[in-house]
Amino acid sequence: MDKARFMELFKQTGFKNKNELAKYLGIPHATCNNWGSTTPYPKWLESFLNTYIELKTLKEQIKN
């Protein structure tokens, strides 16, 4: 996954910032912040973000 794809998915999740994502994942903020700059994005991250977006969408549909 490249930075553009990460940003596209990240925006769709609704997380306000990388710190919020890091807290949700239970990892240090520095780890999350380094992705795409000093370290590559983890292989599992794109799948996680897609699943999170799908779950968020389903929850919103159930609410309405």
C-alpha atoms as a PDB file:
ATOM      1  CA  MET A   1       0.000   0.000   0.000  1.00  0.00           C
ATOM      2  CA  ASP A   2       1.318   3.438  -0.815  1.00  0.00           C
ATOM      3  CA  LYS A   3       0.766   6.706   1.010  1.00  0.00           C
ATOM      4  CA  ALA A   4      -2.036   7.876  -1.294  1.00  0.00           C
ATOM      5  CA  ARG A   5      -4.000   4.668  -0.707  1.00  0.00           C
ATOM      6  CA  PHE A   6      -3.418   4.888   3.044  1.00  0.00           C
ATOM      7  CA  MET A   7      -4.664   8.476   3.145  1.00  0.00           C
ATOM      8  CA  GLU A   8      -7.733   7.571   1.077  1.00  0.00           C
ATOM      9  CA  LEU A   9      -8.679   4.723   3.417  1.00  0.00           C
ATOM     10  CA  PHE A  10      -7.692   6.616   6.565  1.00  0.00           C
ATOM     11  CA  LYS A  11     -10.037   9.461   5.637  1.00  0.00           C
ATOM     12  CA  GLN A  12     -12.907   6.996   5.173  1.00  0.00           C
ATOM     13  CA  THR A  13     -12.400   5.453   8.623  1.00  0.00           C
ATOM     14  CA  GLY A  14     -13.272   8.680  10.389  1.00  0.00           C
ATOM     15  CA  PHE A  15     -10.240   8.589  12.681  1.00  0.00           C
ATOM     16  CA  LYS A  16      -9.258  12.172  13.459  1.00  0.00           C
ATOM     17  CA  ASN A  17      -5.514  11.528  13.377  1.00  0.00           C
ATOM     18  CA  LYS A  18      -2.865   8.811  13.507  1.00  0.00           C
ATOM     19  CA  ASN A  19      -2.767   9.040  17.291  1.00  0.00           C
ATOM     20  CA  GLU A  20      -6.409   7.995  17.455  1.00  0.00           C
ATOM     21  CA  LEU A  21      -5.689   5.077  15.100  1.00  0.00           C
ATOM     22  CA  ALA A  22      -2.704   4.024  17.203  1.00  0.00           C
ATOM     23  CA  LYS A  23      -4.813   4.039  20.378  1.00  0.00           C
ATOM     24  CA  TYR A  24      -7.495   1.951  18.682  1.00  0.00           C
ATOM     25  CA  LEU A  25      -4.876  -0.561  17.532  1.00  0.00           C
ATOM     26  CA  GLY A  26      -3.100  -0.563  20.892  1.00  0.00           C
ATOM     27  CA  ILE A  27       0.262   0.418  19.450  1.00  0.00           C
ATOM     28  CA  PRO A  28       2.614   3.337  20.134  1.00  0.00           C
ATOM     29  CA  HIS A  29       1.836   6.527  18.228  1.00  0.00           C
ATOM     30  CA  ALA A  30       5.427   6.602  16.948  1.00  0.00           C
ATOM     31  CA  THR A  31       4.949   3.222  15.276  1.00  0.00           C
ATOM     32  CA  CYS A  32       1.866   4.402  13.419  1.00  0.00           C
ATOM     33  CA  ASN A  33       3.440   7.753  12.602  1.00  0.00           C
ATOM     34  CA  ASN A  34       6.498   6.119  11.005  1.00  0.00           C
ATOM     35  CA  TRP A  35       4.453   4.098   8.539  1.00  0.00           C
ATOM     36  CA  GLY A  36       5.030   5.310   5.016  1.00  0.00           C
ATOM     37  CA  SER A  37       8.120   7.330   5.935  1.00  0.00           C
ATOM     38  CA  THR A  38      10.803   5.414   7.828  1.00  0.00           C
ATOM     39  CA  THR A  39       8.998   2.059   7.780  1.00  0.00           C
ATOM     40  CA  PRO A  40       6.657   0.524   5.203  1.00  0.00           C
ATOM     41  CA  TYR A  41       2.962   0.129   5.895  1.00  0.00           C
ATOM     42  CA  PRO A  42       2.261  -3.277   7.467  1.00  0.00           C
ATOM     43  CA  LYS A  43       0.848  -5.876   5.076  1.00  0.00           C
ATOM     44  CA  TRP A  44      -2.265  -6.279   7.227  1.00  0.00           C
ATOM     45  CA  LEU A  45      -3.115  -2.571   7.415  1.00  0.00           C
ATOM     46  CA  GLU A  46      -5.020  -2.193   4.141  1.00  0.00           C
ATOM     47  CA  SER A  47      -7.208  -5.192   4.982  1.00  0.00           C
ATOM     48  CA  PHE A  48      -7.822  -3.842   8.488  1.00  0.00           C
ATOM     49  CA  LEU A  49      -8.808  -0.386   7.215  1.00  0.00           C
ATOM     50  CA  ASN A  50     -11.171  -1.872   4.611  1.00  0.00           C
ATOM     51  CA  THR A  51     -12.802  -4.085   7.237  1.00  0.00           C
ATOM     52  CA  TYR A  52     -13.116  -1.157   9.663  1.00  0.00           C
ATOM     53  CA  ILE A  53     -14.802   0.948   6.949  1.00  0.00           C
ATOM     54  CA  GLU A  54     -17.224  -1.878   6.095  1.00  0.00           C
ATOM     55  CA  LEU A  55     -18.138  -2.363   9.760  1.00  0.00           C
ATOM     56  CA  LYS A  56     -18.629   1.377  10.242  1.00  0.00           C
ATOM     57  CA  THR A  57     -20.902   1.486   7.180  1.00  0.00           C
ATOM     58  CA  LEU A  58     -22.965  -1.476   8.388  1.00  0.00           C
ATOM     59  CA  LYS A  59     -23.385   0.047  11.843  1.00  0.00           C
ATOM     60  CA  GLU A  60     -24.580   3.307  10.269  1.00  0.00           C
ATOM     61  CA  GLN A  61     -27.089   1.413   8.103  1.00  0.00           C
ATOM     62  CA  ILE A  62     -28.433  -0.478  11.112  1.00  0.00           C
ATOM     63  CA  LYS A  63     -28.852   2.785  13.045  1.00  0.00           C
ATOM     64  CA  ASN A  64     -30.960   4.301  10.294  1.00  0.00           C
END
